[in-house]
Amino acid sequence: MKNTLRYWLIWFVLLLLLDVLFPFYLLVDIPNIAGSFLFWTCWTLLAIGSMFIIFLRWRDDPTVNKGG
């Protein structure tokens, strides 16, 4: 459980860094705004897809007493 949490945290930190670094440092010299819109659309789909995968793999902690 802790390893998967660590991997997801690393993934979301990577997404956050990509969110800041890509548009403000790599797309700064591109005069056309279409590149930014394409980036934000792809980034949003990737973030939503990541959250969907997390929700699909969500499990309760098996060590918790279930009222028995």
PDB file of N, CA and C in Angstrom:
ATOM      1  N   MET A   1       0.824  -1.197   0.000  1.00  0.00           N
ATOM      2  CA  MET A   1       0.000   0.000   0.000  1.00  0.00           C
ATOM      3  C   MET A   1       0.867   1.258   0.000  1.00  0.00           C
ATOM      4  N   LYS A   2       1.903   1.261   0.800  1.00  0.00           N
ATOM      5  CA  LYS A   2       2.745   2.456   0.896  1.00  0.00           C
ATOM      6  C   LYS A   2       3.530   2.689  -0.387  1.00  0.00           C
ATOM      7  N   ASN A   3       3.923   1.595  -1.074  1.00  0.00           N
ATOM      8  CA  ASN A   3       4.658   1.768  -2.327  1.00  0.00           C
ATOM      9  C   ASN A   3       3.777   2.398  -3.402  1.00  0.00           C
ATOM     10  N   THR A   4       2.519   1.968  -3.491  1.00  0.00           N
ATOM     11  CA  THR A   4       1.635   2.556  -4.494  1.00  0.00           C
ATOM     12  C   THR A   4       1.351   4.017  -4.173  1.00  0.00           C
ATOM     13  N   LEU A   5       1.220   4.342  -2.897  1.00  0.00           N
ATOM     14  CA  LEU A   5       1.022   5.740  -2.519  1.00  0.00           C
ATOM     15  C   LEU A   5       2.232   6.571  -2.916  1.00  0.00           C
ATOM     16  N   ARG A   6       3.405   6.045  -2.708  1.00  0.00           N
ATOM     17  CA  ARG A   6       4.631   6.753  -3.082  1.00  0.00           C
ATOM     18  C   ARG A   6       4.691   6.967  -4.594  1.00  0.00           C
ATOM     19  N   TYR A   7       4.335   5.943  -5.368  1.00  0.00           N
ATOM     20  CA  TYR A   7       4.357   6.072  -6.826  1.00  0.00           C
ATOM     21  C   TYR A   7       3.346   7.108  -7.307  1.00  0.00           C
ATOM     22  N   TRP A   8       2.159   7.122  -6.720  1.00  0.00           N
ATOM     23  CA  TRP A   8       1.167   8.103  -7.129  1.00  0.00           C
ATOM     24  C   TRP A   8       1.586   9.512  -6.733  1.00  0.00           C
ATOM     25  N   LEU A   9       2.206   9.658  -5.576  1.00  0.00           N
ATOM     26  CA  LEU A   9       2.688  10.984  -5.179  1.00  0.00           C
ATOM     27  C   LEU A   9       3.770  11.484  -6.132  1.00  0.00           C
ATOM     28  N   ILE A  10       4.675  10.592  -6.508  1.00  0.00           N
ATOM     29  CA  ILE A  10       5.719  10.963  -7.475  1.00  0.00           C
ATOM     30  C   ILE A  10       5.084  11.348  -8.804  1.00  0.00           C
ATOM     31  N   TRP A  11       4.072  10.580  -9.236  1.00  0.00           N
ATOM     32  CA  TRP A  11       3.386  10.874 -10.499  1.00  0.00           C
ATOM     33  C   TRP A  11       2.730  12.248 -10.467  1.00  0.00           C
ATOM     34  N   PHE A  12       2.057  12.588  -9.365  1.00  0.00           N
ATOM     35  CA  PHE A  12       1.369  13.871  -9.305  1.00  0.00           C
ATOM     36  C   PHE A  12       2.335  15.041  -9.112  1.00  0.00           C
ATOM     37  N   VAL A  13       3.455  14.811  -8.462  1.00  0.00           N
ATOM     38  CA  VAL A  13       4.483  15.853  -8.398  1.00  0.00           C
ATOM     39  C   VAL A  13       5.053  16.091  -9.796  1.00  0.00           C
ATOM     40  N   LEU A  14       5.227  15.020 -10.557  1.00  0.00           N
ATOM     41  CA  LEU A  14       5.689  15.149 -11.935  1.00  0.00           C
ATOM     42  C   LEU A  14       4.673  15.918 -12.782  1.00  0.00           C
ATOM     43  N   LEU A  15       3.384  15.615 -12.598  1.00  0.00           N
ATOM     44  CA  LEU A  15       2.349  16.359 -13.317  1.00  0.00           C
ATOM     45  C   LEU A  15       2.355  17.835 -12.922  1.00  0.00           C
ATOM     46  N   LEU A  16       2.571  18.107 -11.657  1.00  0.00           N
ATOM     47  CA  LEU A  16       2.607  19.494 -11.195  1.00  0.00           C
ATOM     48  C   LEU A  16       3.800  20.243 -11.792  1.00  0.00           C
ATOM     49  N   LEU A  17       4.954  19.597 -11.823  1.00  0.00           N
ATOM     50  CA  LEU A  17       6.125  20.219 -12.436  1.00  0.00           C
ATOM     51  C   LEU A  17       5.905  20.455 -13.929  1.00  0.00           C
ATOM     52  N   LEU A  18       5.306  19.478 -14.593  1.00  0.00           N
ATOM     53  CA  LEU A  18       4.994  19.637 -16.007  1.00  0.00           C
ATOM     54  C   LEU A  18       4.007  20.780 -16.213  1.00  0.00           C
ATOM     55  N   ASP A  19       3.077  20.910 -15.297  1.00  0.00           N
ATOM     56  CA  ASP A  19       2.066  21.961 -15.355  1.00  0.00           C
ATOM     57  C   ASP A  19       2.700  23.347 -15.284  1.00  0.00           C
ATOM     58  N   VAL A  20       3.765  23.496 -14.533  1.00  0.00           N
ATOM     59  CA  VAL A  20       4.412  24.798 -14.373  1.00  0.00           C
ATOM     60  C   VAL A  20       5.507  25.015 -15.414  1.00  0.00           C
ATOM     61  N   LEU A  21       6.357  24.034 -15.600  1.00  0.00           N
ATOM     62  CA  LEU A  21       7.536  24.237 -16.435  1.00  0.00           C
ATOM     63  C   LEU A  21       7.231  24.289 -17.930  1.00  0.00           C
ATOM     64  N   PHE A  22       6.363  23.421 -18.389  1.00  0.00           N
ATOM     65  CA  PHE A  22       6.132  23.347 -19.836  1.00  0.00           C
ATOM     66  C   PHE A  22       5.551  24.629 -20.424  1.00  0.00           C
ATOM     67  N   PRO A  23       4.421  25.120 -19.938  1.00  0.00           N
ATOM     68  CA  PRO A  23       3.863  26.306 -20.607  1.00  0.00           C
ATOM     69  C   PRO A  23       4.638  27.590 -20.347  1.00  0.00           C
ATOM     70  N   PHE A  24       5.243  27.724 -19.185  1.00  0.00           N
ATOM     71  CA  PHE A  24       5.876  29.006 -18.852  1.00  0.00           C
ATOM     72  C   PHE A  24       7.347  29.087 -19.257  1.00  0.00           C
ATOM     73  N   TYR A  25       7.952  27.937 -19.580  1.00  0.00           N
ATOM     74  CA  TYR A  25       9.351  27.973 -19.999  1.00  0.00           C
ATOM     75  C   TYR A  25       9.571  27.461 -21.419  1.00  0.00           C
ATOM     76  N   LEU A  26       8.811  26.475 -21.854  1.00  0.00           N
ATOM     77  CA  LEU A  26       9.027  25.918 -23.183  1.00  0.00           C
ATOM     78  C   LEU A  26       8.129  26.533 -24.253  1.00  0.00           C
ATOM     79  N   LEU A  27       6.956  26.994 -23.875  1.00  0.00           N
ATOM     80  CA  LEU A  27       6.042  27.588 -24.850  1.00  0.00           C
ATOM     81  C   LEU A  27       6.089  29.108 -24.846  1.00  0.00           C
ATOM     82  N   VAL A  28       7.050  29.690 -24.174  1.00  0.00           N
ATOM     83  CA  VAL A  28       7.098  31.147 -24.029  1.00  0.00           C
ATOM     84  C   VAL A  28       7.432  31.849 -25.350  1.00  0.00           C
ATOM     85  N   ASP A  29       8.168  31.200 -26.241  1.00  0.00           N
ATOM     86  CA  ASP A  29       8.570  31.834 -27.493  1.00  0.00           C
ATOM     87  C   ASP A  29       7.632  31.536 -28.657  1.00  0.00           C
ATOM     88  N   ILE A  30       6.581  30.791 -28.411  1.00  0.00           N
ATOM     89  CA  ILE A  30       5.644  30.446 -29.476  1.00  0.00           C
ATOM     90  C   ILE A  30       4.521  31.483 -29.486  1.00  0.00           C
ATOM     91  N   PRO A  31       4.393  32.244 -30.572  1.00  0.00           N
ATOM     92  CA  PRO A  31       3.389  33.316 -30.598  1.00  0.00           C
ATOM     93  C   PRO A  31       1.956  32.799 -30.755  1.00  0.00           C
ATOM     94  N   ASN A  32       1.806  31.606 -31.279  1.00  0.00           N
ATOM     95  CA  ASN A  32       0.472  31.045 -31.492  1.00  0.00           C
ATOM     96  C   ASN A  32      -0.031  30.424 -30.193  1.00  0.00           C
ATOM     97  N   ILE A  33      -1.257  30.759 -29.819  1.00  0.00           N
ATOM     98  CA  ILE A  33      -1.808  30.274 -28.554  1.00  0.00           C
ATOM     99  C   ILE A  33      -2.343  28.843 -28.668  1.00  0.00           C
ATOM    100  N   ALA A  34      -2.420  28.305 -29.879  1.00  0.00           N
ATOM    101  CA  ALA A  34      -2.944  26.952 -30.076  1.00  0.00           C
ATOM    102  C   ALA A  34      -2.079  25.915 -29.370  1.00  0.00           C
ATOM    103  N   GLY A  35      -0.772  26.140 -29.285  1.00  0.00           N
ATOM    104  CA  GLY A  35       0.108  25.206 -28.574  1.00  0.00           C
ATOM    105  C   GLY A  35      -0.238  25.115 -27.103  1.00  0.00           C
ATOM    106  N   SER A  36      -0.570  26.243 -26.502  1.00  0.00           N
ATOM    107  CA  SER A  36      -0.963  26.247 -25.093  1.00  0.00           C
ATOM    108  C   SER A  36      -2.280  25.516 -24.882  1.00  0.00           C
ATOM    109  N   PHE A  37      -3.243  25.763 -25.766  1.00  0.00           N
ATOM    110  CA  PHE A  37      -4.528  25.087 -25.627  1.00  0.00           C
ATOM    111  C   PHE A  37      -4.378  23.577 -25.793  1.00  0.00           C
ATOM    112  N   LEU A  38      -3.534  23.160 -26.732  1.00  0.00           N
ATOM    113  CA  LEU A  38      -3.294  21.734 -26.910  1.00  0.00           C
ATOM    114  C   LEU A  38      -2.633  21.146 -25.672  1.00  0.00           C
ATOM    115  N   PHE A  39      -1.658  21.845 -25.100  1.00  0.00           N
ATOM    116  CA  PHE A  39      -1.009  21.358 -23.888  1.00  0.00           C
ATOM    117  C   PHE A  39      -2.004  21.225 -22.745  1.00  0.00           C
ATOM    118  N   TRP A  40      -2.801  22.253 -22.510  1.00  0.00           N
ATOM    119  CA  TRP A  40      -3.741  22.219 -21.387  1.00  0.00           C
ATOM    120  C   TRP A  40      -4.796  21.145 -21.567  1.00  0.00           C
ATOM    121  N   THR A  41      -5.225  20.931 -22.814  1.00  0.00           N
ATOM    122  CA  THR A  41      -6.198  19.866 -23.072  1.00  0.00           C
ATOM    123  C   THR A  41      -5.594  18.499 -22.790  1.00  0.00           C
ATOM    124  N   CYS A  42      -4.391  18.250 -23.282  1.00  0.00           N
ATOM    125  CA  CYS A  42      -3.724  16.962 -23.033  1.00  0.00           C
ATOM    126  C   CYS A  42      -3.421  16.780 -21.554  1.00  0.00           C
ATOM    127  N   TRP A  43      -2.970  17.838 -20.899  1.00  0.00           N
ATOM    128  CA  TRP A  43      -2.645  17.744 -19.479  1.00  0.00           C
ATOM    129  C   TRP A  43      -3.899  17.437 -18.654  1.00  0.00           C
ATOM    130  N   THR A  44      -5.000  18.087 -18.977  1.00  0.00           N
ATOM    131  CA  THR A  44      -6.251  17.849 -18.255  1.00  0.00           C
ATOM    132  C   THR A  44      -6.731  16.415 -18.446  1.00  0.00           C
ATOM    133  N   LEU A  45      -6.678  15.909 -19.669  1.00  0.00           N
ATOM    134  CA  LEU A  45      -7.078  14.520 -19.922  1.00  0.00           C
ATOM    135  C   LEU A  45      -6.177  13.540 -19.180  1.00  0.00           C
ATOM    136  N   LEU A  46      -4.891  13.824 -19.122  1.00  0.00           N
ATOM    137  CA  LEU A  46      -3.954  12.959 -18.400  1.00  0.00           C
ATOM    138  C   LEU A  46      -4.231  12.980 -16.901  1.00  0.00           C
ATOM    139  N   ALA A  47      -4.514  14.143 -16.348  1.00  0.00           N
ATOM    140  CA  ALA A  47      -4.817  14.242 -14.919  1.00  0.00           C
ATOM    141  C   ALA A  47      -6.136  13.538 -14.581  1.00  0.00           C
ATOM    142  N   ILE A  48      -7.158  13.733 -15.413  1.00  0.00           N
ATOM    143  CA  ILE A  48      -8.438  13.066 -15.172  1.00  0.00           C
ATOM    144  C   ILE A  48      -8.288  11.561 -15.325  1.00  0.00           C
ATOM    145  N   GLY A  49      -7.545  11.127 -16.325  1.00  0.00           N
ATOM    146  CA  GLY A  49      -7.300   9.689 -16.502  1.00  0.00           C
ATOM    147  C   GLY A  49      -6.563   9.092 -15.317  1.00  0.00           C
ATOM    148  N   SER A  50      -5.601   9.817 -14.780  1.00  0.00           N
ATOM    149  CA  SER A  50      -4.861   9.335 -13.605  1.00  0.00           C
ATOM    150  C   SER A  50      -5.780   9.186 -12.406  1.00  0.00           C
ATOM    151  N   MET A  51      -6.634  10.169 -12.203  1.00  0.00           N
ATOM    152  CA  MET A  51      -7.569  10.082 -11.080  1.00  0.00           C
ATOM    153  C   MET A  51      -8.558   8.935 -11.280  1.00  0.00           C
ATOM    154  N   PHE A  52      -8.996   8.703 -12.504  1.00  0.00           N
ATOM    155  CA  PHE A  52      -9.906   7.598 -12.783  1.00  0.00           C
ATOM    156  C   PHE A  52      -9.245   6.255 -12.458  1.00  0.00           C
ATOM    157  N   ILE A  53      -7.982   6.106 -12.811  1.00  0.00           N
ATOM    158  CA  ILE A  53      -7.260   4.873 -12.499  1.00  0.00           C
ATOM    159  C   ILE A  53      -7.125   4.697 -10.997  1.00  0.00           C
ATOM    160  N   ILE A  54      -6.848   5.772 -10.290  1.00  0.00           N
ATOM    161  CA  ILE A  54      -6.752   5.685  -8.821  1.00  0.00           C
ATOM    162  C   ILE A  54      -8.091   5.244  -8.237  1.00  0.00           C
ATOM    163  N   PHE A  55      -9.183   5.809  -8.726  1.00  0.00           N
ATOM    164  CA  PHE A  55     -10.501   5.437  -8.199  1.00  0.00           C
ATOM    165  C   PHE A  55     -10.836   3.988  -8.501  1.00  0.00           C
ATOM    166  N   LEU A  56     -10.417   3.486  -9.664  1.00  0.00           N
ATOM    167  CA  LEU A  56     -10.680   2.090  -9.998  1.00  0.00           C
ATOM    168  C   LEU A  56      -9.898   1.133  -9.096  1.00  0.00           C
ATOM    169  N   ARG A  57      -8.712   1.533  -8.699  1.00  0.00           N
ATOM    170  CA  ARG A  57      -7.866   0.669  -7.869  1.00  0.00           C
ATOM    171  C   ARG A  57      -8.025   0.927  -6.379  1.00  0.00           C
ATOM    172  N   TRP A  58      -8.947   1.771  -6.011  1.00  0.00           N
ATOM    173  CA  TRP A  58      -9.146   2.129  -4.607  1.00  0.00           C
ATOM    174  C   TRP A  58      -9.633   0.919  -3.820  1.00  0.00           C
ATOM    175  N   ARG A  59      -8.986   0.677  -2.699  1.00  0.00           N
ATOM    176  CA  ARG A  59      -9.402  -0.410  -1.821  1.00  0.00           C
ATOM    177  C   ARG A  59      -9.329   0.074  -0.387  1.00  0.00           C
ATOM    178  N   ASP A  60     -10.239  -0.447   0.431  1.00  0.00           N
ATOM    179  CA  ASP A  60     -10.166  -0.133   1.844  1.00  0.00           C
ATOM    180  C   ASP A  60      -9.028  -0.924   2.479  1.00  0.00           C
ATOM    181  N   ASP A  61      -8.521  -0.408   3.565  1.00  0.00           N
ATOM    182  CA  ASP A  61      -7.437  -1.068   4.273  1.00  0.00           C
ATOM    183  C   ASP A  61      -7.949  -2.380   4.870  1.00  0.00           C
ATOM    184  N   PRO A  62      -7.352  -3.527   4.516  1.00  0.00           N
ATOM    185  CA  PRO A  62      -7.868  -4.806   5.028  1.00  0.00           C
ATOM    186  C   PRO A  62      -7.610  -5.022   6.512  1.00  0.00           C
ATOM    187  N   THR A  63      -6.753  -4.202   7.115  1.00  0.00           N
ATOM    188  CA  THR A  63      -6.456  -4.379   8.542  1.00  0.00           C
ATOM    189  C   THR A  63      -7.499  -3.727   9.428  1.00  0.00           C
ATOM    190  N   VAL A  64      -8.382  -2.924   8.856  1.00  0.00           N
ATOM    191  CA  VAL A  64      -9.399  -2.232   9.640  1.00  0.00           C
ATOM    192  C   VAL A  64     -10.494  -3.231  10.012  1.00  0.00           C
ATOM    193  N   ASN A  65     -10.895  -3.229  11.284  1.00  0.00           N
ATOM    194  CA  ASN A  65     -11.959  -4.098  11.757  1.00  0.00           C
ATOM    195  C   ASN A  65     -13.270  -3.628  11.159  1.00  0.00           C
ATOM    196  N   LYS A  66     -14.019  -4.550  10.542  1.00  0.00           N
ATOM    197  CA  LYS A  66     -15.262  -4.178   9.851  1.00  0.00           C
ATOM    198  C   LYS A  66     -16.471  -4.426  10.720  1.00  0.00           C
ATOM    199  N   GLY A  67     -16.384  -4.086  11.988  1.00  0.00           N
ATOM    200  CA  GLY A  67     -17.534  -4.147  12.857  1.00  0.00           C
ATOM    201  C   GLY A  67     -17.908  -5.550  13.325  1.00  0.00           C
ATOM    202  N   GLY A  68     -16.926  -6.423  13.362  1.00  0.00           N
ATOM    203  CA  GLY A  68     -17.252  -7.804  13.702  1.00  0.00           C
ATOM    204  C   GLY A  68     -16.897  -8.233  15.053  1.00  0.00           C
TER     205      GLY A  68
END
